[in-house]
Protein backbone atom coordinates (compact mmCIF):
# COMPACT_ATOMS: atom_id res chain seq x y z
CA MET A 1 30.20 87.51 -9.78
CA ARG A 2 27.80 84.62 -8.58
CA VAL A 3 28.69 82.76 -12.10
CA LEU A 4 32.16 83.20 -11.72
CA ILE A 5 32.45 81.89 -8.30
CA ASN A 6 30.45 78.71 -8.94
CA ILE A 7 32.82 78.09 -12.17
CA ILE A 8 36.14 78.72 -9.99
CA VAL A 9 34.48 76.61 -7.21
CA GLY A 10 33.71 73.75 -9.73
CA VAL A 11 37.25 74.18 -11.23
CA LYS A 12 38.99 74.07 -8.11
CA TRP A 13 37.56 70.76 -6.78
CA LEU A 14 37.79 69.25 -10.34
CA PHE A 15 41.36 69.61 -10.40
CA CYS A 16 41.75 68.89 -6.46
CA ILE A 17 40.37 65.74 -7.22
CA PHE A 18 42.93 65.23 -10.34
CA SER A 19 45.90 66.06 -8.24
CA VAL A 20 44.80 63.75 -5.73
CA LEU A 21 44.16 60.52 -8.05
CA ILE A 22 47.70 61.39 -9.74
CA ALA A 23 49.25 61.69 -6.32
CA LEU A 24 47.72 58.17 -5.11
CA ALA A 25 48.40 56.34 -8.77
CA ARG A 26 51.86 57.67 -8.43
CA THR A 27 52.27 56.16 -5.08
CA PHE A 28 51.16 52.99 -6.08
CA ARG A 29 53.22 53.27 -9.26
CA LEU A 30 50.57 52.47 -11.92
CA PRO A 31 52.47 52.33 -15.45
CA ALA A 32 49.67 55.01 -17.20
CA VAL A 33 50.16 57.37 -14.81
CA ASN A 34 54.16 57.50 -14.83
CA ASN A 35 53.75 57.67 -18.24
CA ILE A 36 52.05 61.04 -17.88
CA PRO A 37 54.46 63.96 -18.72
CA ALA A 38 55.62 65.97 -15.65
CA SER A 39 54.29 69.16 -17.16
CA VAL A 40 50.72 67.75 -17.12
CA VAL A 41 50.83 66.99 -13.73
CA SER A 42 52.33 70.52 -12.75
CA PHE A 43 49.63 72.35 -14.91
CA VAL A 44 46.86 70.41 -12.67
CA VAL A 45 48.65 71.09 -9.44
CA MET A 46 48.95 74.78 -10.52
CA VAL A 47 44.95 75.18 -11.71
CA PHE A 48 44.09 73.78 -8.42
CA LEU A 49 46.14 76.23 -6.48
CA LEU A 50 45.35 79.26 -8.75
CA SER A 51 41.64 78.40 -8.45
CA TRP A 52 41.92 77.92 -4.69
CA LEU A 53 43.55 81.29 -4.51
CA ALA A 54 40.98 83.19 -6.51
CA GLU A 55 38.29 81.57 -4.47
CA ILE A 56 39.96 83.21 -1.43
CA ILE A 57 40.35 86.60 -2.99
CA LEU A 58 36.55 86.55 -4.53
CA ARG A 59 34.64 85.27 -0.93
CA PRO A 60 37.42 85.89 2.02
CA LYS A 61 35.09 85.99 4.87
CA PHE A 62 33.37 82.48 3.83
CA THR A 63 36.59 80.97 3.13
CA LEU A 64 37.66 82.50 7.06
CA GLN A 65 34.81 80.44 8.31
CA VAL A 66 35.91 77.22 6.76
CA PHE A 67 39.28 77.79 8.83
CA MET A 68 37.21 79.13 11.97
CA GLN A 69 34.84 75.99 12.35
CA PHE A 70 38.13 73.85 11.79
CA PHE A 71 40.18 75.60 14.20
CA GLY A 72 36.87 75.68 16.48
CA GLU A 73 36.75 71.80 16.34
CA VAL A 74 40.42 71.83 17.68
CA TYR A 75 39.55 73.75 20.37
CA LEU A 76 36.50 71.89 21.46
CA PHE A 77 38.27 68.80 21.30
CA ILE A 78 41.22 69.73 23.41
CA CYS A 79 38.55 71.46 25.92
CA ASN A 80 36.49 68.29 25.93
CA LEU A 81 39.78 66.20 26.80
CA LYS A 82 40.38 68.18 30.02
CA LYS A 83 36.73 68.27 30.81
CA LYS A 84 33.77 66.12 29.29
CA PRO A 85 31.11 68.43 29.00
CA ASN A 86 27.14 68.25 30.05
CA ASN A 87 25.75 67.93 26.39
CA ASN A 88 22.02 68.00 27.98
CA SER A 89 20.07 71.03 27.48
CA ALA A 90 18.70 72.36 30.95
CA ILE A 91 16.01 74.53 29.08
CA GLU A 92 13.05 73.00 27.78
CA TYR A 93 12.33 74.17 24.02
CA SER A 94 9.38 74.34 21.49
CA LEU A 95 10.15 73.79 17.98
CA PRO A 96 10.51 76.98 16.32
CA PHE A 97 7.77 76.78 13.88
CA GLU A 98 4.09 76.54 13.50
CA ASP A 99 2.20 73.28 12.28
CA GLU A 100 4.08 70.12 10.97
CA TRP A 101 7.54 70.06 9.49
CA LEU A 102 9.69 67.00 8.72
CA VAL A 103 12.74 66.56 10.35
CA VAL A 104 15.06 65.58 7.70
CA ASN A 105 18.53 65.73 9.55
CA GLY A 106 19.43 65.39 13.33
CA GLY A 107 19.16 63.45 16.19
CA ILE A 108 20.68 62.71 19.44
CA ASP A 109 23.18 59.73 18.69
CA LYS A 110 25.86 58.94 16.05
CA GLU A 111 23.66 57.40 13.62
CA ASN A 112 21.13 59.66 13.27
CA SER A 113 23.31 63.11 14.03
CA HIS A 114 23.21 66.00 11.67
CA SER A 115 27.01 66.28 11.92
CA TRP A 116 28.48 63.85 14.61
CA ASP A 117 32.18 64.88 13.61
CA ILE A 118 31.11 68.45 13.89
CA GLN A 119 30.97 68.96 17.67
CA ALA A 120 29.64 72.51 17.44
CA GLN A 121 26.45 71.10 15.20
CA ARG A 122 26.34 67.53 16.63
CA TYR A 123 22.75 68.00 18.11
CA ALA A 124 21.38 70.41 15.31
CA TYR A 125 18.43 69.69 13.07
CA ASP A 126 17.04 70.61 9.68
CA PHE A 127 13.24 70.90 9.27
CA PHE A 128 11.40 71.10 5.77
CA ILE A 129 7.47 71.29 4.89
CA THR A 130 6.50 68.33 2.93
CA ASP A 131 3.46 66.25 1.88
CA LYS A 132 2.61 63.21 3.26
CA HIS A 133 5.19 61.40 0.70
CA CYS A 134 7.99 63.51 2.00
CA ASN A 135 8.19 66.06 -1.19
CA SER A 136 9.34 69.43 -0.27
CA TYR A 137 7.73 71.50 -3.29
CA LYS A 138 5.67 71.38 -5.98
CA GLU A 139 6.39 71.86 -9.74
CA ASN A 140 9.51 73.85 -10.61
CA LYS A 141 12.33 72.91 -8.16
CA TYR A 142 14.42 75.51 -9.12
CA LYS A 143 12.12 78.47 -7.79
CA LEU A 144 12.20 79.25 -4.11
CA GLU A 145 8.67 79.95 -4.02
CA ASN A 146 7.56 76.52 -5.00
CA TYR A 147 9.19 75.10 -1.55
CA TYR A 148 6.54 74.79 1.16
CA CYS A 149 8.70 76.06 3.92
CA TYR A 150 9.57 78.89 1.97
CA ASN A 151 8.69 82.32 3.52
CA GLN A 152 6.78 80.54 6.62
CA PRO A 153 6.76 81.88 10.06
CA ILE A 154 10.13 81.22 12.47
CA LEU A 155 8.99 81.14 16.14
CA ALA A 156 10.83 81.74 19.45
CA PRO A 157 12.07 78.51 20.74
CA ALA A 158 11.77 79.49 24.47
CA ASP A 159 12.12 82.96 26.38
CA GLY A 160 15.24 84.74 25.93
CA VAL A 161 17.07 88.10 24.53
CA VAL A 162 18.37 88.23 21.02
CA VAL A 163 22.29 88.54 21.36
CA GLU A 164 23.08 88.37 17.70
CA ILE A 165 21.42 88.89 14.24
CA GLY A 166 23.24 88.08 10.83
CA ASN A 167 21.16 90.04 7.93
CA ARG A 168 23.71 90.45 5.20
CA CYS A 169 23.10 87.50 2.60
CA ARG A 170 20.53 87.22 -0.13
CA GLU A 171 19.25 83.90 -1.17
CA SER A 172 21.48 81.21 -2.78
CA ASN A 173 20.16 79.67 -5.57
CA ILE A 174 18.74 75.72 -6.02
CA MET A 175 21.48 74.05 -7.96
CA ARG A 176 21.54 71.04 -10.07
CA PHE A 177 22.95 67.75 -8.77
CA SER A 178 22.02 68.85 -4.96
CA LEU A 179 25.31 70.88 -5.26
CA LEU A 180 25.47 74.01 -3.13
CA ASP A 181 25.62 77.61 -4.38
CA ALA A 182 29.08 78.69 -3.68
CA TYR A 183 28.10 82.40 -3.85
CA LYS A 184 27.50 82.96 -0.43
CA LYS A 185 28.77 85.39 2.55
CA ASP A 186 28.50 83.38 5.43
CA ILE A 187 28.04 79.53 6.40
CA ARG A 188 24.75 80.40 8.31
CA GLY A 189 23.10 82.69 5.81
CA ASN A 190 20.85 85.09 7.46
CA TYR A 191 20.76 83.88 11.39
CA ILE A 192 19.67 84.89 14.98
CA VAL A 193 21.28 83.67 18.19
CA ILE A 194 19.16 84.04 21.46
CA LYS A 195 20.39 83.62 25.03
CA HIS A 196 18.18 81.38 27.11
CA GLU A 197 19.93 81.85 30.85
CA ASP A 198 23.04 80.02 30.33
CA GLU A 199 22.11 78.41 26.53
CA TYR A 200 22.22 79.86 22.96
CA SER A 201 19.78 78.74 20.40
CA LEU A 202 20.90 79.44 16.60
CA ILE A 203 18.34 79.48 13.65
CA ALA A 204 20.02 79.88 10.20
CA HIS A 205 19.18 80.20 6.19
CA ILE A 206 16.20 83.08 6.98
CA ILE A 207 15.27 85.36 4.38
CA LYS A 208 17.19 88.83 4.31
CA ASP A 209 15.26 91.74 6.08
CA SER A 210 12.40 89.13 7.75
CA PHE A 211 13.73 89.96 11.42
CA ASN A 212 10.80 91.21 13.69
CA VAL A 213 13.08 91.33 16.37
CA LYS A 214 16.53 93.43 16.91
CA VAL A 215 19.63 92.61 19.04
CA GLY A 216 19.14 93.34 22.66
CA GLU A 217 15.29 92.54 22.64
CA ALA A 218 13.57 90.08 24.93
CA VAL A 219 11.47 87.68 23.36
CA LYS A 220 8.74 85.18 24.58
CA ARG A 221 8.33 81.36 23.49
CA GLY A 222 6.33 81.07 19.85
CA GLN A 223 6.88 84.87 18.96
CA LEU A 224 7.17 85.63 15.29
CA ILE A 225 10.97 86.38 15.00
CA ALA A 226 11.42 86.10 11.31
CA LYS A 227 10.78 83.82 8.29
CA CYS A 228 12.14 80.82 6.87
CA GLY A 229 14.79 81.00 3.92
CA ASN A 230 17.52 79.71 1.73
CA SER A 231 20.46 81.92 2.83
CA GLY A 232 24.06 80.68 3.18
CA ASN A 233 24.89 77.12 3.16
CA SER A 234 21.67 75.37 2.24
CA SER A 235 20.64 72.79 -0.60
CA GLU A 236 16.95 74.19 -0.08
CA PRO A 237 14.72 76.42 1.85
CA HIS A 238 14.63 74.81 5.55
CA ILE A 239 15.22 75.73 9.37
CA HIS A 240 18.59 74.78 10.76
CA PHE A 241 18.27 74.72 14.55
CA GLN A 242 20.58 74.00 17.43
CA VAL A 243 21.67 74.81 20.72
CA ALA A 244 25.02 75.24 22.30
CA ALA A 245 26.59 75.88 25.54
CA GLY A 246 27.82 79.07 24.11
CA SER A 247 27.56 82.08 22.00
CA SER A 248 30.07 80.83 19.12
CA PHE A 249 28.84 79.37 16.29
CA PHE A 250 32.45 77.60 15.66
CA ALA A 251 33.53 77.02 19.28
CA SER A 252 30.58 76.05 21.31
CA ASN A 253 29.82 72.67 22.43
CA SER A 254 26.21 71.67 20.93
CA LEU A 255 23.64 70.45 23.42
CA LYS A 256 20.90 67.67 23.22
CA ILE A 257 17.60 69.66 22.83
CA ASN A 258 15.20 69.10 25.43
CA PHE A 259 11.84 69.73 23.74
CA LYS A 260 8.56 70.78 25.71
CA ASN A 261 5.01 69.04 24.53
CA ILE A 262 5.78 68.01 21.03
CA ASN A 263 3.91 65.42 18.70
CA LEU A 264 6.08 62.92 16.88
CA LYS A 265 4.82 60.75 14.01
CA LEU A 266 7.14 58.56 11.63
CA ALA A 267 7.31 59.41 8.27
CA GLN A 268 6.73 56.35 6.19
CA ASP A 269 8.26 57.76 3.02
CA TYR A 270 11.40 59.23 4.54
CA ALA A 271 13.82 56.22 3.96
CA ASN A 272 13.06 55.89 0.33
CA LYS A 273 13.02 59.60 -0.40
CA TYR A 274 16.21 60.54 1.40
CA LYS A 275 17.91 57.25 0.28
CA ARG A 276 18.82 56.90 4.17
CA LYS A 277 18.04 53.94 6.37
CA PRO A 278 15.01 54.12 8.50
CA THR A 279 15.78 55.61 11.89
CA SER A 280 16.27 53.61 14.77
CA PHE A 281 15.47 56.19 17.29
CA ALA A 282 12.51 55.45 19.66
CA PRO A 283 10.45 58.50 20.57
CA ASP A 284 10.88 59.37 24.28
CA GLY A 285 8.68 62.50 24.95
CA SER A 286 11.44 64.86 24.83
CA HIS A 287 14.00 64.32 22.07
CA ILE A 288 13.46 64.19 18.22
CA SER A 289 15.23 62.58 15.28
CA ARG A 290 15.41 62.59 11.46
CA GLY A 291 12.57 60.90 10.02
CA PHE A 292 9.78 61.84 12.02
CA PHE A 293 6.89 64.54 11.19
CA ALA A 294 7.08 66.92 14.46
CA SER A 295 4.83 69.72 15.69
CA ASN A 296 4.39 71.28 18.89
CA LYS A 297 1.24 70.05 20.93
CA GLY A 298 -2.03 72.01 20.05
CA THR A 299 -0.97 71.51 16.46
CA SER A 300 -1.98 67.99 15.42
CA CYS A 301 0.08 65.47 13.14
CA GLN A 302 -2.15 64.95 10.22
């Protein structure tokens, strides 16, 4: 089933690109395209539509989540027009891990943001464990256990109460060309949502059945809650961490995370490794950004 779904999704995107290129070429009346028989054009469009329909049938929940994400963004856009949201977290958070991890994605401005155009994930972060040269694995990259952060402890970022746990997804495969494994039931993979007074933290891509807590349980800052994995919409094992004003993953305003007692050290090889320009972020003691090694104080950055 996993192979079939990946093939169908690949065909869908391939014929989607063909359809768009043909439409653009016909719009601008390119001679070479105008000579393509109508039957060929119809075939391309038909294959695209049929592969899309097959994808919906084979993974309905994931497809539904894509639509929920879209309509959630529309909802937030309308709500934020009426009342400008307060995007700053009132709670102080610790990093949700032990030792030192690299901030691969995330920041508090548009330049460094995880997903600036997705309001619900605007101030989210992705964390990897790497060596000093920003390599996140050793030897064979297609084996999950070769990633330094795989199966590492995930800690509660602050005191709170567990309000939701998702634990239905097996690990996603590491795909070639940095593609994503299409065989997934949930964008988040396995995840946990913790309520901290009026704010909600979410940690995603957790290993199935690795949870040490249950819904309704009170947790303390630094408590072991699960293990880092590669479930869901993930290209390699990592921790996805975000804080929001509500419990909905799709329709809650993302908050700038106010971190407490953290160490930051610039990762010198980050820009070359991840093909991104160096971050312009200046550490201010409470916020973090991509391109830095981060740890909780008491765990020194080497």
